[in-house]
Amino acid sequence: MKNLFYLLLLCLPTAISAQSIHQMTVDIKVDASLQDQFQADGRLLIFMSKNGRGELRFRTWPQQGNYLFAKNIEKWSTDKLVTLAAGKGFMKAGQISLDALPEGTYFVQALWDQDKSESRPNAPGNLYSEVMKVEVNKSQKLNLVINKVVQKRRIANHPNVKEVTFRSDTLSKWWGKDMFLKVGVLLPDAYFEDENKRFPFRYNIAGYGGRYTRVGRLAGSKRFMGWWQSDESPEIVNIFLDGEGPFGDSYQLDSENSGPYGYALTEELIPYLEGEFRGTGSAKDRFLDGCSTGGWVSLALQIFYPDHFNGTWSYSPDAIDFENYQLVNVYKDENLYYNEWGNLRPVARDLTGDPRLTMKDFIHYENVLGYSNSYATSGGQFSAHNALYSPKGKDGLPAHMWDPQSGAIDPAIVEHWKKYDLKLIAKENWEELGPKLQGKIYIWMGDMDNFYLNPATRAFDKFLKGTTNPKSDAIVEFTAMQGHCTQFDHRKVLEQMGAKLEN
């Protein structure tokens, strides 16, 4: 028995051994040269990683060897130090505290999130430090100086590219302040050749949080632009919608938390854009597409506004069916983090099926990013889902569908989620929706989707195949051993839209 006791001791994780406990502290200050650009209230984020490639401040997903600490601070000033140390009130991602980090070489970067207009930490006007290489040992003090400013976004400088900033009266009234929608526009050459010609419109929605400036990637691609400016390409005006909202991506739909984004898009922004860039103004000349978040949003807009659009090309959409919210059945399961066998649920995998990350770790990381110390305000993927699908809570923030720490699901909040379950909506309204959706739905999904989105798409496909009055003609394609968004291609989508215009 004594030998067994010592054997068990040897098997304990080294993270709790005495050798890994140290007294490291980090002192952070803001360079006095930024006094005029500094605001006294905000959230201080400290990124630490074993991987020193690139800027750590962009690592807003947990990965092996990455650590995140955060704290809200009021009345900070450039002549005051803030100390990060065990017991100093900093929130940590997961279960690793500063004094329990394994010893070794790390890279560290601080970010001061003082911006109030955007939901994510790398917003223009926020401040950050340079990345510093450090050795974590038993007793050490690090000094970080925040001395850089996140610069304003810039759109591509190309004659076919335009930028639009549109003030939404509806959103401004709802929020009680000016609310603006941003758009990137890519025009066909024919737009400049005949000032009386009118055009069909493509509305592209990005993967999670994608910004309107992504139009620059296409404008900077010689291969794409060589085709786009040739006689082979369809004459379509491309609109790149912005993936920014009050709690992360707005998902371009009305919600109790973010406000009437769906109305603002369909009744304000689209009429303005089609007037400004010579659209036909006809629903038959208006198309949607996107991948991942964009896949879900493009499909949702077609379903919620069936008379407003003439087709969607939806690639790797987020969970269409909440019985398959990734690996969670929100209507039956009791916990988001643990399955019925008590195992941690994965949220991402590689193409062989090997789990890369758990749901618990992912959302605990969002808890640290959120200024409310929960995912509800993180600006991340699950923040956006929760803000769209959930009602407003008593504190004025989106009500938690699941407990941020334990993962326990609240059945009362789940009832509200049904309003955004696309399979449920289609099923309950098929007699009215079915005829309006004929010829308008194309979905592609990889059967080894990296975020377990294929089961929900399979369930939606099964529903569509069983429809009657009318029988759905939706095209839903699955490709074996393909991952997330691997077959999405701008040229292919535009060619498919062009083909539909010709029929």
Protein backbone atom coordinates (compact mmCIF):
# COMPACT_ATOMS: atom_id res chain seq x y z
CA MET A 1 0.00 0.00 0.00
CA LYS A 2 2.86 2.37 0.84
CA ASN A 3 4.49 1.75 -2.57
CA LEU A 4 1.16 2.39 -4.29
CA PHE A 5 0.86 5.73 -2.46
CA TYR A 6 4.27 6.87 -3.69
CA LEU A 7 3.45 5.68 -7.22
CA LEU A 8 0.30 7.84 -7.21
CA LEU A 9 2.33 10.83 -6.07
CA LEU A 10 4.67 10.41 -9.03
CA CYS A 11 1.68 10.47 -11.40
CA LEU A 12 0.36 13.84 -10.21
CA PRO A 13 0.59 16.72 -12.79
CA THR A 14 3.73 18.80 -12.44
CA ALA A 15 1.62 21.98 -12.59
CA ILE A 16 0.77 21.53 -8.92
CA SER A 17 4.23 20.53 -7.77
CA ALA A 18 6.23 22.86 -5.56
CA GLN A 19 8.83 23.37 -8.27
CA SER A 20 6.33 25.21 -10.53
CA ILE A 21 5.28 27.75 -7.88
CA HIS A 22 7.02 31.10 -8.31
CA GLN A 23 6.62 34.72 -7.36
CA MET A 24 6.66 36.32 -10.80
CA THR A 25 5.00 39.72 -11.14
CA VAL A 26 4.44 41.96 -14.15
CA ASP A 27 4.44 45.74 -13.86
CA ILE A 28 2.63 47.58 -16.66
CA LYS A 29 2.65 51.29 -17.40
CA VAL A 30 1.50 53.53 -20.23
CA ASP A 31 4.15 55.64 -21.92
CA ALA A 32 3.69 59.34 -21.17
CA SER A 33 3.90 60.11 -24.91
CA LEU A 34 0.41 58.56 -25.29
CA GLN A 35 -1.17 60.84 -22.70
CA ASP A 36 -3.37 62.59 -25.28
CA GLN A 37 -4.63 59.27 -26.67
CA PHE A 38 -5.07 57.55 -23.33
CA GLN A 39 -8.40 57.03 -21.53
CA ALA A 40 -8.41 56.29 -17.83
CA ASP A 41 -11.04 53.51 -17.82
CA GLY A 42 -10.79 50.21 -19.65
CA ARG A 43 -9.74 46.57 -19.49
CA LEU A 44 -6.11 45.52 -19.32
CA LEU A 45 -5.28 42.30 -21.15
CA ILE A 46 -2.01 40.40 -20.78
CA PHE A 47 -1.25 37.81 -23.44
CA MET A 48 1.42 35.18 -22.74
CA SER A 49 2.52 32.39 -25.05
CA LYS A 50 5.22 29.83 -25.64
CA ASN A 51 4.99 30.76 -29.34
CA GLY A 52 6.54 34.10 -30.26
CA ARG A 53 5.44 34.32 -33.89
CA GLY A 54 3.49 37.49 -34.65
CA GLU A 55 1.63 39.75 -32.25
CA LEU A 56 0.03 37.97 -29.33
CA ARG A 57 -2.85 40.47 -29.14
CA PHE A 58 -4.49 38.78 -32.12
CA ARG A 59 -4.69 35.42 -30.29
CA THR A 60 -8.21 35.68 -28.99
CA TRP A 61 -8.70 31.89 -29.18
CA PRO A 62 -7.11 29.56 -26.65
CA GLN A 63 -4.39 27.31 -27.99
CA GLN A 64 -1.80 25.08 -26.41
CA GLY A 65 0.82 27.22 -24.70
CA ASN A 66 -1.26 30.44 -24.76
CA TYR A 67 -2.37 32.20 -21.57
CA LEU A 68 -4.53 35.26 -20.98
CA PHE A 69 -5.06 37.50 -17.94
CA ALA A 70 -7.36 40.51 -17.65
CA LYS A 71 -8.66 43.13 -15.26
CA ASN A 72 -10.98 46.15 -15.46
CA ILE A 73 -9.26 49.31 -14.29
CA GLU A 74 -10.75 52.70 -13.50
CA LYS A 75 -8.94 56.01 -13.13
CA TRP A 76 -5.62 54.71 -14.40
CA SER A 77 -3.03 57.29 -15.38
CA THR A 78 0.27 57.29 -17.22
CA ASP A 79 2.20 57.91 -14.01
CA LYS A 80 0.79 54.82 -12.26
CA LEU A 81 1.98 51.21 -12.46
CA VAL A 82 -0.41 48.30 -12.58
CA THR A 83 0.93 45.06 -11.18
CA LEU A 84 -0.10 41.64 -12.40
CA ALA A 85 0.58 39.04 -9.73
CA ALA A 86 -1.12 36.22 -7.87
CA GLY A 87 -3.90 37.62 -5.69
CA LYS A 88 -4.06 40.97 -7.53
CA GLY A 89 -7.57 40.43 -8.88
CA PHE A 90 -6.64 39.54 -12.44
CA MET A 91 -8.97 37.09 -14.12
CA LYS A 92 -7.26 34.11 -15.69
CA ALA A 93 -8.16 31.87 -18.59
CA GLY A 94 -8.86 28.31 -17.52
CA GLN A 95 -7.23 27.12 -14.31
CA ILE A 96 -3.68 28.48 -14.73
CA SER A 97 -2.71 31.37 -12.47
CA LEU A 98 0.41 33.46 -12.87
CA ASP A 99 2.27 31.69 -10.08
CA ALA A 100 1.47 28.25 -11.55
CA LEU A 101 2.80 28.81 -15.06
CA PRO A 102 5.33 26.13 -15.97
CA GLU A 103 8.84 27.60 -15.96
CA GLY A 104 10.44 28.32 -19.30
CA THR A 105 10.64 30.82 -22.16
CA TYR A 106 7.54 32.93 -22.86
CA PHE A 107 6.49 35.89 -24.93
CA VAL A 108 4.35 38.60 -23.35
CA GLN A 109 2.25 41.50 -24.68
CA ALA A 110 -0.13 43.92 -22.97
CA LEU A 111 -3.18 45.58 -24.50
CA TRP A 112 -5.24 48.41 -23.02
CA ASP A 113 -8.83 48.05 -24.30
CA GLN A 114 -10.23 51.54 -23.91
CA ASP A 115 -12.36 51.73 -27.06
CA LYS A 116 -16.12 51.88 -26.45
CA SER A 117 -17.29 51.77 -30.07
CA GLU A 118 -16.20 48.24 -31.04
CA SER A 119 -16.64 44.90 -29.32
CA ARG A 120 -13.19 43.34 -29.78
CA PRO A 121 -9.82 44.22 -28.26
CA ASN A 122 -7.89 45.18 -31.40
CA ALA A 123 -10.13 48.14 -32.19
CA PRO A 124 -8.53 51.33 -33.54
CA GLY A 125 -7.50 53.64 -30.73
CA ASN A 126 -6.65 50.89 -28.27
CA LEU A 127 -3.09 50.83 -26.92
CA TYR A 128 -0.58 47.99 -26.67
CA SER A 129 3.01 47.10 -25.87
CA GLU A 130 5.67 45.44 -27.96
CA VAL A 131 6.07 41.67 -27.62
CA MET A 132 8.71 40.84 -25.01
CA LYS A 133 10.61 37.58 -24.64
CA VAL A 134 10.97 36.52 -21.00
CA GLU A 135 12.17 33.64 -18.87
CA VAL A 136 9.67 32.56 -16.22
CA ASN A 137 11.46 31.26 -13.15
CA LYS A 138 10.95 31.03 -9.42
CA SER A 139 11.16 34.74 -8.70
CA GLN A 140 11.05 37.44 -11.34
CA LYS A 141 9.63 40.89 -12.06
CA LEU A 142 8.79 41.92 -15.63
CA ASN A 143 8.19 45.44 -16.89
CA LEU A 144 5.92 46.16 -19.86
CA VAL A 145 5.45 49.59 -21.40
CA ILE A 146 2.32 50.27 -23.45
CA ASN A 147 3.62 52.57 -26.16
CA LYS A 148 1.74 51.79 -29.39
CA VAL A 149 -1.67 52.67 -30.82
CA VAL A 150 -3.92 50.43 -32.94
CA GLN A 151 -4.26 52.40 -36.17
CA LYS A 152 -7.44 53.15 -38.12
CA ARG A 153 -8.53 50.61 -40.69
CA ARG A 154 -7.79 51.41 -44.30
CA ILE A 155 -9.56 50.06 -47.34
CA ALA A 156 -7.71 49.09 -50.53
CA ASN A 157 -6.67 51.87 -52.86
CA HIS A 158 -8.14 50.61 -56.14
CA PRO A 159 -10.44 52.39 -58.63
CA ASN A 160 -12.98 49.53 -58.44
CA VAL A 161 -13.11 49.58 -54.63
CA LYS A 162 -15.26 51.98 -52.62
CA GLU A 163 -15.88 52.43 -48.91
CA VAL A 164 -19.27 53.36 -47.47
CA THR A 165 -20.06 54.60 -43.98
CA PHE A 166 -23.81 54.70 -43.43
CA ARG A 167 -25.62 56.10 -40.40
CA SER A 168 -28.60 53.94 -39.52
CA ASP A 169 -31.50 56.00 -38.19
CA THR A 170 -33.14 52.87 -36.79
CA LEU A 171 -30.10 51.59 -34.91
CA SER A 172 -29.22 55.10 -33.73
CA LYS A 173 -32.69 55.57 -32.28
CA TRP A 174 -32.60 52.11 -30.65
CA TRP A 175 -29.21 52.74 -29.01
CA GLY A 176 -29.70 56.45 -28.29
CA LYS A 177 -26.47 57.37 -30.08
CA ASP A 178 -25.07 57.48 -33.60
CA MET A 179 -24.69 53.97 -35.03
CA PHE A 180 -22.89 53.44 -38.32
CA LEU A 181 -22.70 50.51 -40.74
CA LYS A 182 -19.54 50.00 -42.81
CA VAL A 183 -19.38 48.44 -46.26
CA GLY A 184 -16.68 47.56 -48.77
CA VAL A 185 -17.73 47.68 -52.45
CA LEU A 186 -16.12 46.01 -55.47
CA LEU A 187 -17.45 47.30 -58.78
CA PRO A 188 -17.29 45.65 -62.22
CA ASP A 189 -15.52 47.54 -65.00
CA ALA A 190 -18.87 47.88 -66.78
CA TYR A 191 -19.98 50.21 -63.99
CA PHE A 192 -17.60 52.86 -65.33
CA GLU A 193 -18.36 52.25 -69.00
CA ASP A 194 -22.07 53.08 -69.03
CA GLU A 195 -23.43 55.48 -66.43
CA ASN A 196 -27.02 54.47 -67.19
CA LYS A 197 -26.54 50.73 -66.74
CA ARG A 198 -27.99 49.04 -63.64
CA PHE A 199 -26.61 45.98 -61.91
CA PRO A 200 -27.48 42.96 -59.78
CA PHE A 201 -26.01 42.93 -56.27
CA ARG A 202 -24.13 40.30 -54.32
CA TYR A 203 -24.13 40.65 -50.50
CA ASN A 204 -21.20 38.76 -49.02
CA ILE A 205 -21.03 37.99 -45.30
CA ALA A 206 -17.66 37.08 -43.82
CA GLY A 207 -16.57 34.35 -41.47
CA TYR A 208 -16.77 35.34 -37.82
CA GLY A 209 -16.05 39.03 -37.28
CA GLY A 210 -14.76 39.63 -40.82
CA ARG A 211 -14.54 43.32 -41.61
CA TYR A 212 -15.58 45.29 -44.68
CA THR A 213 -11.90 45.91 -45.47
CA ARG A 214 -11.58 42.28 -46.64
CA VAL A 215 -12.49 43.54 -50.11
CA GLY A 216 -8.82 44.55 -50.24
CA ARG A 217 -7.71 40.92 -50.35
CA LEU A 218 -9.62 40.41 -53.58
CA ALA A 219 -8.52 43.72 -55.05
CA GLY A 220 -4.93 42.76 -54.26
CA SER A 221 -5.17 39.34 -55.91
CA LYS A 222 -3.77 39.45 -59.44
CA ARG A 223 -5.36 36.11 -60.22
CA PHE A 224 -8.85 37.15 -59.11
CA MET A 225 -8.71 40.67 -60.54
CA GLY A 226 -7.38 39.35 -63.84
CA TRP A 227 -10.58 37.33 -64.12
CA TRP A 228 -12.84 39.99 -62.58
CA GLN A 229 -11.74 42.63 -65.08
CA SER A 230 -12.07 40.27 -68.05
CA ASP A 231 -15.08 39.61 -70.27
CA GLU A 232 -15.59 36.24 -68.54
CA SER A 233 -16.83 37.64 -65.21
CA PRO A 234 -20.48 38.50 -64.50
CA GLU A 235 -21.36 42.17 -64.16
CA ILE A 236 -22.36 42.22 -60.49
CA VAL A 237 -21.78 44.81 -57.76
CA ASN A 238 -20.14 43.12 -54.76
CA ILE A 239 -21.07 44.34 -51.29
CA PHE A 240 -18.90 43.17 -48.36
CA LEU A 241 -20.89 43.62 -45.17
CA ASP A 242 -19.15 44.39 -41.89
CA GLY A 243 -19.00 41.77 -39.14
CA GLU A 244 -19.02 44.21 -36.22
CA GLY A 245 -21.76 44.54 -33.66
CA PRO A 246 -22.19 45.60 -30.04
CA PHE A 247 -21.43 42.09 -28.68
CA GLY A 248 -19.28 40.69 -31.47
CA ASP A 249 -20.59 39.90 -34.93
CA SER A 250 -24.08 41.36 -35.38
CA TYR A 251 -25.17 38.42 -37.56
CA GLN A 252 -27.11 41.04 -39.57
CA LEU A 253 -30.38 40.16 -37.78
CA ASP A 254 -32.73 41.80 -35.29
CA SER A 255 -32.13 40.86 -31.66
CA GLU A 256 -33.19 42.00 -28.22
CA ASN A 257 -29.59 42.78 -27.32
CA SER A 258 -27.93 44.26 -30.41
CA GLY A 259 -31.00 45.93 -31.88
CA PRO A 260 -32.70 45.91 -35.29
CA TYR A 261 -29.74 45.00 -37.51
CA GLY A 262 -31.94 42.98 -39.88
CA TYR A 263 -34.28 45.91 -40.42
CA ALA A 264 -31.36 48.31 -40.80
CA LEU A 265 -29.86 46.06 -43.49
CA THR A 266 -32.98 45.34 -45.52
CA GLU A 267 -34.88 48.62 -45.15
CA GLU A 268 -32.08 51.19 -44.88
CA LEU A 269 -28.66 50.02 -46.03
CA ILE A 270 -29.64 47.94 -49.07
CA PRO A 271 -31.93 50.62 -50.57
CA TYR A 272 -29.20 53.21 -50.03
CA LEU A 273 -26.47 51.07 -51.62
CA GLU A 274 -28.57 50.05 -54.60
CA GLY A 275 -29.48 53.67 -55.16
CA GLU A 276 -25.90 54.86 -54.80
CA PHE A 277 -24.32 52.17 -57.03
CA ARG A 278 -27.12 51.76 -59.59
CA GLY A 279 -28.75 48.52 -58.55
CA THR A 280 -31.89 47.35 -60.29
CA GLY A 281 -33.74 47.43 -56.99
CA SER A 282 -35.35 44.10 -57.81
CA ALA A 283 -35.24 41.13 -55.43
CA LYS A 284 -34.55 38.81 -58.38
CA ASP A 285 -31.18 40.56 -58.80
CA ARG A 286 -30.13 40.34 -55.13
CA PHE A 287 -28.00 37.45 -53.84
CA LEU A 288 -26.35 36.31 -50.60
CA ASP A 289 -23.29 34.24 -49.82
CA GLY A 290 -20.77 33.49 -47.12
CA CYS A 291 -18.88 30.84 -45.22
CA SER A 292 -18.95 29.81 -41.56
CA THR A 293 -20.68 32.70 -39.76
CA GLY A 294 -21.32 34.08 -43.24
CA GLY A 295 -22.81 30.75 -44.26
CA TRP A 296 -25.31 30.88 -41.40
CA VAL A 297 -26.14 34.56 -41.85
CA SER A 298 -26.66 34.26 -45.61
CA LEU A 299 -29.00 31.29 -45.08
CA ALA A 300 -30.80 33.02 -42.19
CA LEU A 301 -31.37 36.20 -44.20
CA GLN A 302 -32.83 34.15 -47.07
CA ILE A 303 -35.17 32.39 -44.62
CA PHE A 304 -36.14 35.45 -42.57
CA TYR A 305 -36.54 37.65 -45.66
CA PRO A 306 -37.54 35.15 -48.38
CA ASP A 307 -39.03 37.78 -50.70
CA HIS A 308 -36.05 40.10 -50.37
CA PHE A 309 -33.32 37.87 -51.87
CA ASN A 310 -33.14 35.53 -54.85
CA GLY A 311 -30.68 32.97 -53.59
CA THR A 312 -28.04 32.09 -51.04
CA TRP A 313 -24.76 30.20 -51.37
CA SER A 314 -24.09 29.02 -47.83
CA TYR A 315 -20.79 27.27 -47.08
CA SER A 316 -20.02 25.54 -43.76
CA PRO A 317 -22.78 27.40 -41.90
CA ASP A 318 -22.85 27.69 -38.12
CA ALA A 319 -25.33 25.32 -36.47
CA ILE A 320 -28.56 25.46 -38.49
CA ASP A 321 -30.31 23.18 -36.00
CA PHE A 322 -29.98 23.66 -32.24
CA GLU A 323 -30.51 19.97 -31.56
CA ASN A 324 -26.99 19.92 -32.99
CA TYR A 325 -25.43 23.10 -31.63
CA GLN A 326 -22.06 21.68 -32.53
CA LEU A 327 -22.10 18.62 -30.22
CA VAL A 328 -24.79 19.95 -27.87
CA ASN A 329 -28.54 19.37 -27.99
CA VAL A 330 -29.59 22.56 -26.21
CA TYR A 331 -33.16 21.25 -25.81
CA LYS A 332 -32.14 18.10 -23.91
CA ASP A 333 -28.61 18.42 -22.57
CA GLU A 334 -28.04 19.91 -19.13
CA ASN A 335 -24.49 21.18 -19.60
CA LEU A 336 -22.62 22.82 -22.46
CA TYR A 337 -19.14 21.77 -21.31
CA TYR A 338 -19.74 18.14 -20.32
CA ASN A 339 -21.62 15.45 -22.22
CA GLU A 340 -23.94 12.86 -20.67
CA TRP A 341 -20.97 10.60 -19.86
CA GLY A 342 -19.18 13.35 -17.94
CA ASN A 343 -16.56 13.98 -20.63
CA LEU A 344 -15.47 17.43 -21.73
CA ARG A 345 -16.95 18.29 -25.12
CA PRO A 346 -14.54 19.28 -27.87
CA VAL A 347 -15.29 22.41 -29.88
CA ALA A 348 -12.70 21.91 -32.64
CA ARG A 349 -10.91 18.97 -34.28
CA ASP A 350 -8.48 18.21 -37.07
CA LEU A 351 -9.40 16.30 -40.23
CA THR A 352 -8.62 12.95 -38.62
CA GLY A 353 -11.13 13.68 -35.86
CA ASP A 354 -8.54 14.34 -33.17
CA PRO A 355 -9.95 17.02 -30.76
CA ARG A 356 -7.93 20.24 -30.66
CA LEU A 357 -9.82 22.28 -28.08
CA THR A 358 -12.63 21.86 -25.56
CA MET A 359 -15.78 23.95 -25.35
CA LYS A 360 -14.97 24.73 -21.72
CA ASP A 361 -11.49 26.09 -22.48
CA PHE A 362 -12.79 28.09 -25.44
CA ILE A 363 -15.52 29.82 -23.47
CA HIS A 364 -13.36 30.33 -20.37
CA TYR A 365 -11.03 32.26 -22.67
CA GLU A 366 -13.99 34.37 -23.78
CA ASN A 367 -14.85 34.91 -20.11
CA VAL A 368 -11.50 36.63 -19.67
CA LEU A 369 -11.94 38.75 -22.79
CA GLY A 370 -15.34 40.02 -21.61
CA TYR A 371 -15.48 43.24 -19.61
CA SER A 372 -18.27 41.64 -17.53
CA ASN A 373 -15.88 38.74 -16.77
CA SER A 374 -18.05 36.46 -18.89
CA TYR A 375 -18.45 35.41 -22.49
CA ALA A 376 -21.55 37.64 -22.76
CA THR A 377 -19.33 40.65 -23.51
CA SER A 378 -16.22 39.04 -24.97
CA GLY A 379 -16.92 40.01 -28.57
CA GLY A 380 -16.11 36.39 -29.45
CA GLN A 381 -18.03 33.67 -31.27
CA PHE A 382 -20.15 32.56 -28.33
CA SER A 383 -20.71 36.12 -27.17
CA ALA A 384 -22.30 36.85 -30.56
CA HIS A 385 -24.44 33.69 -30.53
CA ASN A 386 -25.66 34.43 -27.03
CA ALA A 387 -26.40 38.09 -27.84
CA LEU A 388 -28.43 37.18 -30.90
CA TYR A 389 -30.35 34.18 -29.58
CA SER A 390 -30.88 35.15 -25.89
CA PRO A 391 -33.16 37.76 -24.30
CA LYS A 392 -31.82 40.77 -22.44
CA GLY A 393 -30.85 40.01 -18.85
CA LYS A 394 -31.74 41.92 -15.70
CA ASP A 395 -28.36 43.68 -15.81
CA GLY A 396 -29.06 44.99 -19.32
CA LEU A 397 -26.57 42.58 -20.88
CA PRO A 398 -27.44 39.43 -22.85
CA ALA A 399 -28.81 36.76 -20.51
CA HIS A 400 -26.51 33.76 -20.16
CA MET A 401 -27.91 30.64 -21.84
CA TRP A 402 -25.31 28.66 -19.89
CA ASP A 403 -23.40 29.44 -16.73
CA PRO A 404 -20.00 30.95 -17.68
CA GLN A 405 -18.07 28.82 -15.20
CA SER A 406 -19.96 25.54 -14.84
CA GLY A 407 -21.58 25.33 -18.28
CA ALA A 408 -25.03 24.51 -16.82
CA ILE A 409 -27.76 25.24 -19.41
CA ASP A 410 -30.76 27.42 -18.48
CA PRO A 411 -33.88 25.86 -20.10
CA ALA A 412 -35.82 29.15 -19.82
CA ILE A 413 -33.26 30.93 -22.01
CA VAL A 414 -33.20 28.02 -24.45
CA GLU A 415 -36.87 28.68 -25.19
CA HIS A 416 -35.88 32.07 -26.56
CA TRP A 417 -33.24 30.45 -28.79
CA LYS A 418 -35.99 28.67 -30.75
CA LYS A 419 -36.67 31.96 -32.57
CA TYR A 420 -33.32 31.51 -34.37
CA ASP A 421 -33.28 27.74 -34.92
CA LEU A 422 -33.40 27.75 -38.74
CA LYS A 423 -34.56 24.15 -39.08
CA LEU A 424 -37.33 24.73 -36.56
CA ILE A 425 -38.42 27.95 -38.29
CA ALA A 426 -38.51 26.26 -41.70
CA LYS A 427 -40.36 23.25 -40.31
CA GLU A 428 -43.04 25.27 -38.52
CA ASN A 429 -43.58 27.65 -41.45
CA TRP A 430 -42.94 25.45 -44.48
CA GLU A 431 -46.38 25.88 -46.03
CA GLU A 432 -45.71 29.61 -46.35
CA LEU A 433 -41.89 29.56 -46.64
CA GLY A 434 -41.47 26.58 -48.95
CA PRO A 435 -42.79 28.19 -52.14
CA LYS A 436 -40.76 31.36 -51.49
CA LEU A 437 -37.52 29.40 -51.04
CA GLN A 438 -37.75 27.30 -54.19
CA GLY A 439 -34.60 27.61 -56.28
CA LYS A 440 -32.93 29.82 -53.67
CA ILE A 441 -30.89 27.54 -51.37
CA TYR A 442 -27.46 26.05 -51.99
CA ILE A 443 -25.48 24.70 -49.02
CA TRP A 444 -22.06 23.08 -48.93
CA MET A 445 -20.59 21.28 -45.92
CA GLY A 446 -17.45 19.24 -45.31
CA ASP A 447 -18.21 16.00 -43.48
CA MET A 448 -15.17 16.52 -41.27
CA ASP A 449 -16.00 20.12 -40.46
CA ASN A 450 -13.43 21.38 -37.96
CA PHE A 451 -16.14 22.78 -35.66
CA TYR A 452 -18.60 19.87 -35.75
CA LEU A 453 -21.11 21.79 -37.87
CA ASN A 454 -21.93 18.93 -40.23
CA PRO A 455 -24.46 17.14 -37.93
CA ALA A 456 -26.74 20.21 -37.92
CA THR A 457 -26.50 20.53 -41.70
CA ARG A 458 -27.26 16.81 -42.04
CA ALA A 459 -30.37 17.30 -39.89
CA PHE A 460 -31.48 20.27 -42.01
CA ASP A 461 -30.88 18.29 -45.21
CA LYS A 462 -32.97 15.41 -43.84
CA PHE A 463 -35.80 17.84 -43.11
CA LEU A 464 -35.62 19.37 -46.60
CA LYS A 465 -35.67 15.95 -48.25
CA GLY A 466 -38.84 15.10 -46.34
CA THR A 467 -40.74 18.27 -47.22
CA THR A 468 -43.96 18.25 -49.24
CA ASN A 469 -46.25 20.95 -50.55
CA PRO A 470 -43.85 21.93 -52.01
CA LYS A 471 -41.05 19.39 -52.19
CA SER A 472 -37.87 21.41 -51.53
CA ASP A 473 -35.46 21.76 -54.43
CA ALA A 474 -32.65 23.01 -52.16
CA ILE A 475 -29.20 21.73 -53.04
CA VAL A 476 -27.21 20.51 -50.03
CA GLU A 477 -23.82 19.01 -50.84
CA PHE A 478 -21.48 17.13 -48.50
CA THR A 479 -17.86 16.29 -49.26
CA ALA A 480 -16.14 13.48 -47.38
CA MET A 481 -12.95 14.26 -45.42
CA GLN A 482 -13.26 18.00 -46.06
CA GLY A 483 -12.96 20.59 -43.31
CA HIS A 484 -14.31 24.05 -42.62
CA CYS A 485 -14.86 26.34 -45.62
CA THR A 486 -12.37 24.47 -47.78
CA GLN A 487 -14.45 24.76 -50.95
CA PHE A 488 -15.56 28.37 -50.66
CA ASP A 489 -14.27 30.47 -53.55
CA HIS A 490 -15.30 34.00 -54.56
CA ARG A 491 -14.96 33.35 -58.28
CA LYS A 492 -17.00 30.14 -58.10
CA VAL A 493 -19.80 31.86 -56.18
CA LEU A 494 -19.90 34.78 -58.62
CA GLU A 495 -20.01 32.41 -61.58
CA GLN A 496 -22.95 30.58 -59.99
CA MET A 497 -24.75 33.88 -59.46
CA GLY A 498 -24.03 34.85 -63.05
CA ALA A 499 -25.45 31.54 -64.28
CA LYS A 500 -28.64 32.13 -62.31
CA LEU A 501 -29.01 35.58 -63.84
CA GLU A 502 -28.84 34.05 -67.30
CA ASN A 503 -31.59 31.49 -66.62
